[in-house]
Amino acid sequence: MAGEDLKDILFLCALQNAVKHGGVPQAGAVVGMVMSAHPEFRPRAKEVALLAREAIAAVAAISSDNRVAQLQSRAPEMYDAIYAKHEHRKVLPDLESAEQGVVMRFAPNPSGPLHIGHARAAVLNDAYVKQYGGRYILRIEDTDPKRVDPEAYEMVKEDIAWMGLGITETVTQSERLPQYYDLCRQLIERGGAYVCTCDNEHFRELKQAKTACPCRDQTVEKNLNLWERMLDHTFKEGEVTVRIKTDLNNPDPAMRDFPAFRILDTPPHPKVKAHVYPLMNFSVVADDHLLGVTHVIRGKDHIANTRRQRFIYDHFGWKVPVYRHYGRMGIEGVVLSTSQMRLGINEGTYTGWDDIRLGTLRALARRGISPDAVRNAVLAIGIGDTDISFSWDNLYAENKKIVDPVANRYFFVPGPVTAQIAGAKPHTAHAMLHPGDQSAGTRTLAFEGTVLLPGSEITPDVTMVRLKDLFNVKIAWNGNIPTFLYAGESLSEARAAKAPIIQWLPSQDSVNCTLLTQEGDISGACEPAVKHELGRVVQFERVGFVKIDAVGDDGVKAYFTHK
């Protein structure tokens, strides 16, 4: 094989190693990759080792973003191989009794928009429905008026649409109250429930003592009469409760005769006029049975509810669904509490439900996170029962795989300072719109003597910089006052001098740009062409990926996505 072919193989192996692990690859790792894939080179080990160092040096001279683009362009199979193991982990374990298809449900409360925590249950259920075929039910659980925000009904549906879930039908629990009432009546007739008029504190004391309350042995006729009086508004809130009969000797007090229905008058429900409401454990069992749900996937914080719900299944003689409980997922760095978010919005701390400091799906969307990235990150976590911490880095890595191949590149100069460069003639720079896609074309930046540079990078310890895609600039300092001098166009000289390669803008041709991040706003300037990217994700070179949120006469507003 020709020497040029060997050099090319070594370069691509070094490039793949750098993309996969970051930083500069080690010679031993690159040589090992080549020898493993091409044993015919083993007799030329010394030559391979020598050429490997040259390949590593060539890769080290390429920016991290350009490394990815070059690997995707020159060896897409090597790029895909980096993520092959990661993709394999996304295959979910089999579900028992699912061979004939499944019926699954995602059941949020309409207390606010969905957040990243909701996405786990939503995506896992969706993936299993796609894997086995069947129905996917969106069930709006709104039988607690205290946890209902009228605007959330639409917000939840919008978030579902954004995630692209394969919902086949939607039901709203508040519209199903007559069915719950009928089932409660049947359960009382079966002797599986009774109407309790005991004071709550007194009942709690009896329950802790494993002692039945006086109401537990009432006749079916009396319980039915009390039930009708509940529905007829004879009782007031807090005066009466329907309880499920369980084992009073159960070692867990929470399992002993738990409540199934209660009276609530305030706040009024925004959708229905009602006086009696089922509690979650009853309405969930009723709907899972009536809707034919076959499998339930939810967090292990619901394990106690699963145990309670089995009592109801047993009283009715219904088949119990297959349950899978996944571990808790800690999510740091954003606000997830609906009450805290609402308070912050009302007080003006947050701009709305899509404020990028929040963990809502609409906040992620505003930042430029793709729903496919959310899906892939959740599937990679899976349904294991071990508690984990959600990795934002994994989400960003998934999103980068989606946006990096298509996001156009532009310059954004934060905190710009004006620099007049002595000795430089007018020059037009031609920068690639996307380094991995030559067909995207180039963008032009006309240098006419004065440029905008990132102020934080022009410090007395910096004596030379390379203006990306333009030329070199030497910086002479008189105290804290810099003088900028044209220093030629040789990229190799800039590298030899270890001059930082920085972004810049023609001072006569730029627009104001505010970059909003979770840590605060960054004022700067960007290329005028960014105005044509409204609603899309682009990459501000050396800064990161951003979503262009607003364009106006006063400039551009962009949200930081990730590096």
Protein backbone atom coordinates (compact mmCIF):
# COMPACT_ATOMS: atom_id res chain seq x y z
CA MET A 1 0.00 0.00 0.00
CA ALA A 2 1.31 3.45 -0.88
CA GLY A 3 2.69 5.76 1.80
CA GLU A 4 0.00 8.33 1.14
CA ASP A 5 -2.69 5.73 1.91
CA LEU A 6 -1.00 4.92 5.22
CA LYS A 7 -0.81 8.60 6.12
CA ASP A 8 -4.49 9.01 5.36
CA ILE A 9 -5.44 6.00 7.49
CA LEU A 10 -3.35 7.28 10.39
CA PHE A 11 -4.85 10.75 10.10
CA LEU A 12 -8.42 9.41 10.14
CA CYS A 13 -7.69 7.16 13.12
CA ALA A 14 -6.16 10.08 15.01
CA LEU A 15 -9.12 12.23 14.05
CA GLN A 16 -11.62 9.61 15.25
CA ASN A 17 -9.76 9.27 18.54
CA ALA A 18 -9.76 13.04 19.08
CA VAL A 19 -13.49 13.34 18.33
CA LYS A 20 -14.36 10.44 20.61
CA HIS A 21 -12.20 11.35 23.60
CA GLY A 22 -11.41 15.04 23.13
CA GLY A 23 -7.95 16.56 23.40
CA VAL A 24 -4.87 15.31 21.59
CA PRO A 25 -4.73 11.54 20.92
CA GLN A 26 -1.89 9.40 22.20
CA ALA A 27 0.43 7.86 19.62
CA GLY A 28 0.09 4.40 21.11
CA ALA A 29 -3.70 4.49 20.82
CA VAL A 30 -3.57 5.59 17.17
CA VAL A 31 -0.94 3.01 16.22
CA GLY A 32 -2.97 0.32 18.00
CA MET A 33 -6.09 1.24 16.06
CA VAL A 34 -4.25 1.04 12.74
CA MET A 35 -2.46 -2.24 13.52
CA SER A 36 -5.72 -3.82 14.66
CA ALA A 37 -7.62 -2.82 11.54
CA HIS A 38 -4.67 -3.27 9.13
CA PRO A 39 -2.36 -6.09 10.28
CA GLU A 40 -0.49 -5.83 6.98
CA PHE A 41 1.26 -2.75 8.42
CA ARG A 42 2.83 -4.62 11.35
CA PRO A 43 6.15 -5.24 9.54
CA ARG A 44 6.38 -1.45 9.12
CA ALA A 45 5.89 -0.67 12.82
CA LYS A 46 8.67 1.94 13.04
CA GLU A 47 7.38 3.80 10.00
CA VAL A 48 3.82 3.67 11.32
CA ALA A 49 4.92 5.10 14.67
CA LEU A 50 6.82 7.93 12.97
CA LEU A 51 3.93 8.82 10.67
CA ALA A 52 1.46 8.57 13.57
CA ARG A 53 3.17 11.51 15.27
CA GLU A 54 2.76 13.57 12.10
CA ALA A 55 -0.93 12.61 11.90
CA ILE A 56 -1.49 13.55 15.55
CA ALA A 57 0.18 16.93 14.99
CA ALA A 58 -2.08 17.56 12.00
CA VAL A 59 -5.19 16.69 14.04
CA ALA A 60 -4.03 18.84 16.96
CA ALA A 61 -3.92 21.85 14.62
CA ILE A 62 -7.63 21.45 13.79
CA SER A 63 -10.27 23.05 15.99
CA SER A 64 -12.61 20.67 17.83
CA ASP A 65 -15.61 21.74 15.75
CA ASN A 66 -13.75 21.22 12.50
CA ARG A 67 -12.56 17.80 13.68
CA VAL A 68 -16.15 16.62 13.95
CA ALA A 69 -17.06 18.12 10.58
CA GLN A 70 -14.04 16.58 8.84
CA LEU A 71 -14.66 13.13 10.30
CA GLN A 72 -18.34 13.24 9.28
CA SER A 73 -17.37 14.36 5.78
CA ARG A 74 -14.35 12.12 5.13
CA ALA A 75 -15.24 8.98 7.09
CA PRO A 76 -18.91 8.95 8.13
CA GLU A 77 -18.68 5.27 9.11
CA MET A 78 -15.94 6.12 11.61
CA TYR A 79 -18.03 8.95 13.01
CA ASP A 80 -21.05 6.63 13.40
CA ALA A 81 -18.90 3.99 15.08
CA ILE A 82 -18.19 6.39 17.95
CA TYR A 83 -21.83 6.28 18.95
CA ALA A 84 -22.60 2.65 18.05
CA LYS A 85 -22.23 1.41 21.64
CA HIS A 86 -24.24 4.36 22.95
CA GLU A 87 -27.03 3.66 20.50
CA HIS A 88 -27.09 0.01 21.55
CA ARG A 89 -27.83 1.01 25.13
CA LYS A 90 -31.04 2.62 23.95
CA VAL A 91 -32.67 -0.77 23.29
CA LEU A 92 -35.17 -1.19 26.11
CA PRO A 93 -35.59 -4.51 27.90
CA ASP A 94 -38.49 -6.70 26.86
CA LEU A 95 -41.86 -6.42 28.57
CA GLU A 96 -43.59 -9.56 29.73
CA SER A 97 -46.98 -10.38 28.20
CA ALA A 98 -46.49 -7.84 25.43
CA GLU A 99 -46.29 -10.13 22.41
CA GLN A 100 -49.83 -9.31 21.28
CA GLY A 101 -49.36 -5.57 21.63
CA VAL A 102 -49.68 -3.14 24.52
CA VAL A 103 -51.95 -0.41 25.82
CA MET A 104 -50.01 2.22 27.74
CA ARG A 105 -50.70 5.63 29.17
CA PHE A 106 -49.03 8.88 30.06
CA ALA A 107 -50.98 10.59 32.83
CA PRO A 108 -49.88 14.13 33.80
CA ASN A 109 -51.71 16.58 36.04
CA PRO A 110 -52.69 19.84 34.31
CA SER A 111 -50.96 21.91 36.98
CA GLY A 112 -48.55 23.51 34.54
CA PRO A 113 -46.53 22.67 31.43
CA LEU A 114 -44.50 19.48 31.22
CA HIS A 115 -40.86 19.46 32.30
CA ILE A 116 -37.85 17.25 31.65
CA GLY A 117 -38.87 14.91 34.47
CA HIS A 118 -42.20 14.19 32.74
CA ALA A 119 -40.34 13.34 29.55
CA ARG A 120 -38.98 10.12 31.01
CA ALA A 121 -42.35 8.45 31.53
CA ALA A 122 -43.76 9.95 28.33
CA VAL A 123 -40.90 8.75 26.12
CA LEU A 124 -40.47 5.30 27.68
CA ASN A 125 -44.15 4.48 27.26
CA ASP A 126 -44.09 5.81 23.71
CA ALA A 127 -41.05 3.69 22.86
CA TYR A 128 -42.72 0.51 24.07
CA VAL A 129 -45.90 1.23 22.12
CA LYS A 130 -43.77 1.70 19.01
CA GLN A 131 -41.82 -1.48 19.80
CA TYR A 132 -44.83 -3.75 20.32
CA GLY A 133 -47.66 -1.92 18.62
CA GLY A 134 -50.92 -0.94 20.28
CA ARG A 135 -52.53 2.12 21.82
CA TYR A 136 -51.01 5.07 23.66
CA ILE A 137 -53.41 7.01 25.86
CA LEU A 138 -52.88 10.56 27.10
CA ARG A 139 -54.86 10.74 30.32
CA ILE A 140 -55.26 14.17 31.89
CA GLU A 141 -55.58 13.52 35.62
CA ASP A 142 -57.50 16.56 36.86
CA THR A 143 -59.67 15.27 39.69
CA ASP A 144 -57.89 17.45 42.27
CA PRO A 145 -59.07 21.03 41.65
CA LYS A 146 -56.24 22.34 43.81
CA ARG A 147 -53.74 21.07 41.24
CA VAL A 148 -55.45 22.35 38.10
CA ASP A 149 -54.32 25.34 36.05
CA PRO A 150 -56.94 25.98 33.34
CA GLU A 151 -54.23 27.07 30.89
CA ALA A 152 -52.27 23.85 31.44
CA TYR A 153 -54.73 21.70 29.49
CA GLU A 154 -53.51 23.24 26.25
CA MET A 155 -49.92 23.58 27.42
CA VAL A 156 -49.72 19.85 28.11
CA LYS A 157 -51.11 19.04 24.66
CA GLU A 158 -48.63 21.45 23.04
CA ASP A 159 -45.75 19.83 24.90
CA ILE A 160 -46.97 16.38 23.84
CA ALA A 161 -47.03 17.54 20.22
CA TRP A 162 -43.51 18.98 20.55
CA MET A 163 -42.19 15.65 21.82
CA GLY A 164 -43.83 13.87 18.89
CA LEU A 165 -45.46 11.18 21.01
CA GLY A 166 -47.65 8.68 19.18
CA ILE A 167 -50.78 9.39 21.22
CA THR A 168 -53.77 7.47 19.87
CA GLU A 169 -56.44 8.85 22.19
CA THR A 170 -56.91 11.44 24.91
CA VAL A 171 -59.18 11.25 27.94
CA THR A 172 -59.78 13.78 30.70
CA GLN A 173 -60.67 12.39 34.10
CA SER A 174 -62.97 15.22 35.16
CA GLU A 175 -65.26 14.23 32.28
CA ARG A 176 -65.46 10.67 33.63
CA LEU A 177 -66.83 11.38 37.13
CA PRO A 178 -70.15 9.51 36.51
CA GLN A 179 -68.17 6.34 35.74
CA TYR A 180 -66.14 6.68 38.94
CA TYR A 181 -69.33 7.23 40.96
CA ASP A 182 -70.90 4.10 39.49
CA LEU A 183 -67.80 2.03 40.27
CA CYS A 184 -67.72 3.36 43.82
CA ARG A 185 -71.32 2.25 44.27
CA GLN A 186 -70.41 -1.21 42.96
CA LEU A 187 -67.43 -1.43 45.28
CA ILE A 188 -69.59 -0.56 48.29
CA GLU A 189 -72.08 -3.25 47.25
CA ARG A 190 -69.22 -5.75 47.10
CA GLY A 191 -68.19 -4.82 50.62
CA GLY A 192 -64.85 -3.46 49.46
CA ALA A 193 -65.43 0.13 50.58
CA TYR A 194 -67.32 2.04 53.25
CA VAL A 195 -68.27 5.64 53.99
CA CYS A 196 -66.42 6.99 57.02
CA THR A 197 -67.74 9.96 59.01
CA CYS A 198 -65.03 9.81 61.68
CA ASP A 199 -62.95 12.84 62.47
CA ASN A 200 -59.72 12.57 60.46
CA GLU A 201 -57.46 12.86 63.47
CA HIS A 202 -59.43 10.23 65.37
CA PHE A 203 -59.33 7.88 62.38
CA ARG A 204 -55.57 8.35 62.12
CA GLU A 205 -55.14 7.33 65.77
CA LEU A 206 -57.25 4.21 65.23
CA LYS A 207 -55.35 3.29 62.11
CA GLN A 208 -51.99 3.60 63.85
CA ALA A 209 -53.37 1.26 66.55
CA LYS A 210 -54.55 -1.25 63.89
CA THR A 211 -58.08 -0.75 65.15
CA ALA A 212 -61.20 -0.53 62.98
CA CYS A 213 -63.19 2.68 63.11
CA PRO A 214 -66.94 2.42 64.03
CA CYS A 215 -67.92 2.99 60.38
CA ARG A 216 -66.06 -0.04 59.03
CA ASP A 217 -68.77 -2.52 60.05
CA GLN A 218 -71.72 -0.52 58.72
CA THR A 219 -74.15 -2.42 56.53
CA VAL A 220 -73.97 -2.11 52.78
CA GLU A 221 -77.34 -0.35 52.87
CA LYS A 222 -76.12 2.31 55.27
CA ASN A 223 -72.94 2.88 53.25
CA LEU A 224 -74.97 3.26 50.06
CA ASN A 225 -77.26 5.73 51.80
CA LEU A 226 -74.30 7.78 53.01
CA TRP A 227 -72.78 7.65 49.53
CA GLU A 228 -75.96 9.07 47.99
CA ARG A 229 -76.01 11.79 50.62
CA MET A 230 -72.42 12.68 49.68
CA LEU A 231 -73.48 13.12 46.07
CA ASP A 232 -76.57 15.11 47.14
CA HIS A 233 -74.45 17.72 48.97
CA THR A 234 -75.69 16.71 52.42
CA PHE A 235 -72.14 16.67 53.75
CA LYS A 236 -69.58 19.42 53.70
CA GLU A 237 -65.90 19.29 52.89
CA GLY A 238 -63.94 17.32 55.50
CA GLU A 239 -66.97 15.64 57.05
CA VAL A 240 -66.92 12.33 55.20
CA THR A 241 -64.58 10.01 53.24
CA VAL A 242 -65.00 6.81 51.27
CA ARG A 243 -62.34 4.30 52.33
CA ILE A 244 -61.08 1.10 50.73
CA LYS A 245 -61.16 -1.92 53.02
CA THR A 246 -57.70 -3.44 53.39
CA ASP A 247 -55.82 -5.40 56.04
CA LEU A 248 -55.71 -3.38 59.25
CA ASN A 249 -52.76 -5.48 60.39
CA ASN A 250 -50.66 -4.50 57.39
CA PRO A 251 -47.22 -3.47 58.71
CA ASP A 252 -47.40 -0.27 56.63
CA PRO A 253 -49.94 2.16 58.13
CA ALA A 254 -50.35 3.82 54.72
CA MET A 255 -51.90 0.58 53.41
CA ARG A 256 -54.63 0.45 56.06
CA ASP A 257 -58.08 1.55 54.82
CA PHE A 258 -56.81 4.35 52.58
CA PRO A 259 -59.21 7.00 51.17
CA ALA A 260 -60.85 6.69 47.76
CA PHE A 261 -63.31 9.63 47.55
CA ARG A 262 -63.61 12.97 49.29
CA ILE A 263 -65.62 16.18 49.16
CA LEU A 264 -64.01 19.33 47.76
CA ASP A 265 -65.83 22.62 47.25
CA THR A 266 -62.91 25.02 46.97
CA PRO A 267 -61.43 25.88 44.67
CA PRO A 268 -64.15 25.24 42.08
CA HIS A 269 -63.13 22.98 39.22
CA PRO A 270 -62.63 24.91 35.96
CA LYS A 271 -64.28 22.24 33.81
CA VAL A 272 -67.07 20.59 35.83
CA LYS A 273 -69.46 21.35 38.64
CA ALA A 274 -68.69 18.67 41.17
CA HIS A 275 -68.80 18.10 44.90
CA VAL A 276 -67.30 14.60 45.25
CA TYR A 277 -63.93 13.69 43.71
CA PRO A 278 -62.03 10.40 43.51
CA LEU A 279 -58.52 10.30 44.85
CA MET A 280 -55.71 9.27 42.57
CA ASN A 281 -55.50 5.60 43.56
CA PHE A 282 -59.16 4.99 42.76
CA SER A 283 -59.38 6.95 39.50
CA VAL A 284 -56.12 5.42 38.23
CA VAL A 285 -57.36 1.87 38.80
CA ALA A 286 -60.75 2.66 37.30
CA ASP A 287 -59.29 4.12 34.13
CA ASP A 288 -56.50 1.59 33.73
CA HIS A 289 -59.20 -1.10 33.78
CA LEU A 290 -61.83 0.68 31.69
CA LEU A 291 -59.30 1.78 29.07
CA GLY A 292 -57.67 -1.64 28.88
CA VAL A 293 -54.20 -0.55 30.01
CA THR A 294 -51.91 -3.58 29.90
CA HIS A 295 -48.59 -2.16 31.12
CA VAL A 296 -47.73 0.67 33.49
CA ILE A 297 -44.26 2.24 33.56
CA ARG A 298 -43.69 4.80 36.29
CA GLY A 299 -41.21 5.87 38.96
CA LYS A 300 -40.52 3.75 42.01
CA ASP A 301 -41.95 6.56 44.15
CA HIS A 302 -45.26 4.99 43.05
CA ILE A 303 -44.47 1.54 44.48
CA ALA A 304 -46.65 2.25 47.53
CA ASN A 305 -49.49 3.35 45.24
CA THR A 306 -49.12 0.13 43.27
CA ARG A 307 -49.64 -1.83 46.49
CA ARG A 308 -52.70 0.22 47.40
CA GLN A 309 -54.17 -0.15 43.95
CA ARG A 310 -53.90 -3.94 44.07
CA PHE A 311 -56.49 -3.94 46.87
CA ILE A 312 -58.97 -2.29 44.51
CA TYR A 313 -58.18 -4.74 41.71
CA ASP A 314 -58.70 -7.62 44.09
CA HIS A 315 -62.07 -6.28 45.33
CA PHE A 316 -63.35 -6.04 41.76
CA GLY A 317 -61.67 -9.22 40.55
CA TRP A 318 -59.96 -7.34 37.73
CA LYS A 319 -56.73 -8.31 36.00
CA VAL A 320 -53.75 -6.29 37.23
CA PRO A 321 -51.53 -4.62 34.59
CA VAL A 322 -47.83 -5.39 34.33
CA TYR A 323 -45.89 -2.81 36.35
CA ARG A 324 -42.35 -1.55 35.84
CA HIS A 325 -40.94 0.98 38.33
CA TYR A 326 -37.82 2.93 37.38
CA GLY A 327 -35.42 4.64 39.78
CA ARG A 328 -35.60 8.26 40.81
CA MET A 329 -33.94 10.73 38.48
CA GLY A 330 -32.34 13.70 40.19
CA ILE A 331 -32.31 16.81 38.02
CA GLU A 332 -30.12 19.72 39.08
CA GLY A 333 -29.48 23.12 37.59
CA VAL A 334 -33.06 24.14 36.74
CA VAL A 335 -36.31 24.85 38.58
CA LEU A 336 -38.88 22.03 38.25
CA SER A 337 -41.43 22.80 40.99
CA THR A 338 -44.62 24.05 39.36
CA SER A 339 -45.52 26.14 42.41
CA GLN A 340 -42.07 27.74 42.51
CA MET A 341 -42.18 28.42 38.78
CA ARG A 342 -45.63 30.00 39.02
CA LEU A 343 -44.59 32.15 41.97
CA GLY A 344 -41.47 33.28 40.13
CA ILE A 345 -43.48 34.16 37.03
CA ASN A 346 -46.04 36.11 39.06
CA GLU A 347 -43.29 38.01 40.87
CA GLY A 348 -41.42 38.79 37.65
CA THR A 349 -38.40 36.63 38.49
CA TYR A 350 -39.05 34.53 35.39
CA THR A 351 -40.31 35.81 32.05
CA GLY A 352 -42.73 32.92 31.59
CA TRP A 353 -42.99 29.15 31.47
CA ASP A 354 -40.29 29.11 28.78
CA ASP A 355 -37.72 31.07 30.80
CA ILE A 356 -34.45 29.24 30.11
CA ARG A 357 -33.67 28.96 33.84
CA LEU A 358 -36.60 26.57 34.15
CA GLY A 359 -36.71 22.86 33.37
CA THR A 360 -39.88 22.92 31.26
CA LEU A 361 -39.88 21.36 27.84
CA ARG A 362 -40.84 24.70 26.33
CA ALA A 363 -37.78 26.26 27.99
CA LEU A 364 -35.61 23.57 26.38
CA ALA A 365 -37.28 24.21 23.04
CA ARG A 366 -36.62 27.93 23.33
CA ARG A 367 -32.97 27.21 23.96
CA GLY A 368 -32.77 25.10 20.80
CA ILE A 369 -32.89 21.61 22.29
CA SER A 370 -34.44 19.16 19.84
CA PRO A 371 -37.23 16.83 21.01
CA ASP A 372 -35.27 13.99 19.41
CA ALA A 373 -32.34 14.84 21.70
CA VAL A 374 -34.63 14.65 24.72
CA ARG A 375 -35.97 11.33 23.51
CA ASN A 376 -32.52 9.86 22.89
CA ALA A 377 -31.21 11.03 26.25
CA VAL A 378 -34.18 9.47 28.07
CA LEU A 379 -33.92 6.19 26.19
CA ALA A 380 -30.23 6.01 27.04
CA ILE A 381 -31.21 6.21 30.74
CA GLY A 382 -33.70 3.36 30.33
CA ILE A 383 -35.98 1.90 33.00
CA GLY A 384 -33.50 0.59 35.55
CA ASP A 385 -34.53 0.80 39.18
CA THR A 386 -31.28 2.44 40.31
CA ASP A 387 -31.52 6.09 41.32
CA ILE A 388 -29.54 8.33 38.98
CA SER A 389 -28.70 11.97 38.32
CA PHE A 390 -29.87 13.34 35.00
CA SER A 391 -26.86 14.27 32.86
CA TRP A 392 -27.24 17.57 31.04
CA ASP A 393 -23.98 16.79 29.26
CA ASN A 394 -25.57 13.66 27.74
CA LEU A 395 -28.57 15.69 26.60
CA TYR A 396 -26.30 18.30 25.04
CA ALA A 397 -24.24 15.58 23.34
CA GLU A 398 -27.40 14.11 21.83
CA ASN A 399 -28.53 17.54 20.70
CA LYS A 400 -25.13 18.34 19.22
CA LYS A 401 -25.33 15.24 17.03
CA ILE A 402 -28.55 16.66 15.61
CA VAL A 403 -27.69 20.34 15.21
CA ASP A 404 -23.98 20.20 14.42
CA PRO A 405 -24.38 18.82 10.87
CA VAL A 406 -26.92 21.49 9.89
CA ALA A 407 -26.18 24.61 11.96
CA ASN A 408 -24.60 27.44 10.01
CA ARG A 409 -21.57 29.16 11.52
CA TYR A 410 -21.26 32.86 12.33
CA PHE A 411 -19.15 35.20 14.40
CA PHE A 412 -20.45 36.67 17.63
CA VAL A 413 -18.17 39.08 19.48
CA PRO A 414 -19.02 39.43 23.19
CA GLY A 415 -18.18 42.67 24.97
CA PRO A 416 -16.63 44.09 21.79
CA VAL A 417 -13.74 46.53 21.70
CA THR A 418 -12.84 48.49 18.60
CA ALA A 419 -9.41 47.90 17.13
CA GLN A 420 -7.85 49.86 14.26
CA ILE A 421 -5.20 47.69 12.66
CA ALA A 422 -2.24 49.63 11.34
CA GLY A 423 -0.56 48.50 8.15
CA ALA A 424 -3.44 46.37 6.92
CA LYS A 425 -5.02 46.87 3.52
CA PRO A 426 -8.74 46.36 2.85
CA HIS A 427 -9.44 42.68 2.59
CA THR A 428 -12.46 40.43 2.13
CA ALA A 429 -12.55 37.29 4.21
CA HIS A 430 -14.44 34.27 2.90
CA ALA A 431 -15.53 32.06 5.79
CA MET A 432 -17.32 28.78 5.29
CA LEU A 433 -20.96 28.79 6.28
CA HIS A 434 -20.52 25.18 7.40
CA PRO A 435 -17.08 23.52 7.50
CA GLY A 436 -18.55 20.09 6.84
CA ASP A 437 -20.73 21.10 3.92
CA GLN A 438 -19.02 22.98 1.13
CA SER A 439 -22.31 23.19 -0.76
CA ALA A 440 -23.59 25.57 1.94
CA GLY A 441 -21.24 28.19 0.50
CA THR A 442 -19.37 30.97 2.22
CA ARG A 443 -20.09 34.21 4.00
CA THR A 444 -18.03 37.32 3.35
CA LEU A 445 -16.69 39.80 5.89
CA ALA A 446 -15.16 42.97 4.50
CA PHE A 447 -12.21 44.33 6.47
CA GLU A 448 -11.72 48.06 5.95
CA GLY A 449 -9.27 48.90 8.70
CA THR A 450 -11.26 48.67 11.92
CA VAL A 451 -12.68 45.57 13.59
CA LEU A 452 -14.57 44.53 16.70
CA LEU A 453 -12.75 42.06 18.93
CA PRO A 454 -13.88 40.20 22.07
CA GLY A 455 -12.78 42.49 24.88
CA SER A 456 -12.13 39.71 27.41
CA GLU A 457 -9.41 38.26 25.17
CA ILE A 458 -7.47 41.47 24.53
CA THR A 459 -5.33 41.56 27.67
CA PRO A 460 -1.71 42.72 28.29
CA ASP A 461 -0.45 39.13 28.31
CA VAL A 462 -1.62 38.66 24.71
CA THR A 463 0.84 40.00 22.14
CA MET A 464 -0.44 38.30 19.00
CA VAL A 465 -3.77 37.00 17.74
CA ARG A 466 -5.02 35.38 14.58
CA LEU A 467 -8.27 36.85 13.28
CA LYS A 468 -10.06 33.74 12.08
CA ASP A 469 -10.21 33.47 8.27
CA LEU A 470 -8.38 36.82 7.94
CA PHE A 471 -4.79 37.50 9.09
CA ASN A 472 -2.44 37.84 12.05
CA VAL A 473 -2.32 40.87 14.34
CA LYS A 474 0.46 41.83 16.73
CA ILE A 475 -0.49 43.79 19.83
CA ALA A 476 1.92 46.30 21.37
CA TRP A 477 1.08 47.49 24.87
CA ASN A 478 1.74 50.86 26.44
CA GLY A 479 0.52 50.18 29.93
CA ASN A 480 -3.05 49.06 29.38
CA ILE A 481 -3.38 50.72 25.97
CA PRO A 482 -2.98 48.35 23.00
CA THR A 483 -1.78 49.14 19.50
CA PHE A 484 -2.77 46.69 16.78
CA LEU A 485 -0.38 45.95 13.90
CA TYR A 486 -0.87 43.86 10.78
CA ALA A 487 1.41 40.79 11.00
CA GLY A 488 0.86 38.88 7.76
CA GLU A 489 -1.43 36.04 6.71
CA SER A 490 0.66 32.97 7.59
CA LEU A 491 -1.39 30.55 9.67
CA SER A 492 1.73 28.51 10.46
CA GLU A 493 3.43 31.59 11.96
CA ALA A 494 0.40 32.18 14.17
CA ARG A 495 0.50 28.57 15.34
CA ALA A 496 4.24 28.73 15.95
CA ALA A 497 3.69 31.80 18.11
CA LYS A 498 0.79 30.01 19.87
CA ALA A 499 -1.39 32.97 19.01
CA PRO A 500 -5.05 32.47 19.91
CA ILE A 501 -7.40 32.32 16.93
CA ILE A 502 -10.28 34.64 17.71
CA GLN A 503 -13.49 35.77 16.08
CA TRP A 504 -13.94 39.32 14.82
CA LEU A 505 -16.37 41.55 12.98
CA PRO A 506 -15.99 44.49 10.60
CA SER A 507 -16.88 47.50 12.73
CA GLN A 508 -18.80 49.03 9.82
CA ASP A 509 -20.91 45.90 9.22
CA SER A 510 -22.28 44.28 12.37
CA VAL A 511 -25.50 44.22 14.36
CA ASN A 512 -26.14 44.37 18.08
CA CYS A 513 -26.74 40.95 19.58
CA THR A 514 -27.76 39.90 23.07
CA LEU A 515 -26.96 36.33 24.05
CA LEU A 516 -29.18 35.11 26.87
CA THR A 517 -27.73 32.34 29.04
CA GLN A 518 -28.85 30.66 32.24
CA GLU A 519 -26.16 32.63 34.09
CA GLY A 520 -27.10 36.02 32.62
CA ASP A 521 -27.16 38.10 29.46
CA ILE A 522 -24.09 38.79 27.31
CA SER A 523 -24.06 41.90 25.13
CA GLY A 524 -22.17 41.84 21.89
CA ALA A 525 -22.36 42.00 18.12
CA CYS A 526 -22.87 39.44 15.36
CA GLU A 527 -22.87 39.17 11.60
CA PRO A 528 -25.85 40.79 9.84
CA ALA A 529 -26.67 37.49 8.10
CA VAL A 530 -27.72 36.06 11.47
CA LYS A 531 -30.97 37.99 11.04
CA HIS A 532 -31.98 35.48 8.37
CA GLU A 533 -31.71 32.57 10.83
CA LEU A 534 -34.75 33.47 12.95
CA GLY A 535 -36.07 30.42 14.80
CA ARG A 536 -33.09 28.24 13.87
CA VAL A 537 -30.07 26.98 15.76
CA VAL A 538 -26.70 28.28 14.56
CA GLN A 539 -23.22 28.08 15.95
CA PHE A 540 -21.47 31.19 17.16
CA GLU A 541 -17.88 30.13 16.54
CA ARG A 542 -15.81 29.75 19.71
CA VAL A 543 -18.93 30.45 21.79
CA GLY A 544 -21.39 27.62 21.18
CA PHE A 545 -24.70 26.73 19.60
CA VAL A 546 -27.51 29.26 20.01
CA LYS A 547 -31.10 29.62 18.90
CA ILE A 548 -32.03 32.87 17.20
CA ASP A 549 -35.12 33.95 19.09
CA ALA A 550 -35.90 37.48 17.92
CA VAL A 551 -34.78 39.88 15.21
CA GLY A 552 -35.65 43.56 15.17
CA ASP A 553 -34.42 47.05 14.46
CA ASP A 554 -32.49 46.97 17.72
CA GLY A 555 -30.62 43.84 16.73
CA VAL A 556 -30.73 40.11 17.47
CA LYS A 557 -31.69 38.16 20.57
CA ALA A 558 -30.30 34.63 20.85
CA TYR A 559 -30.55 31.93 23.50
CA PHE A 560 -27.48 29.89 24.41
CA THR A 561 -28.05 26.19 23.73
CA HIS A 562 -24.77 24.49 24.66
CA LYS A 563 -21.15 24.26 23.57
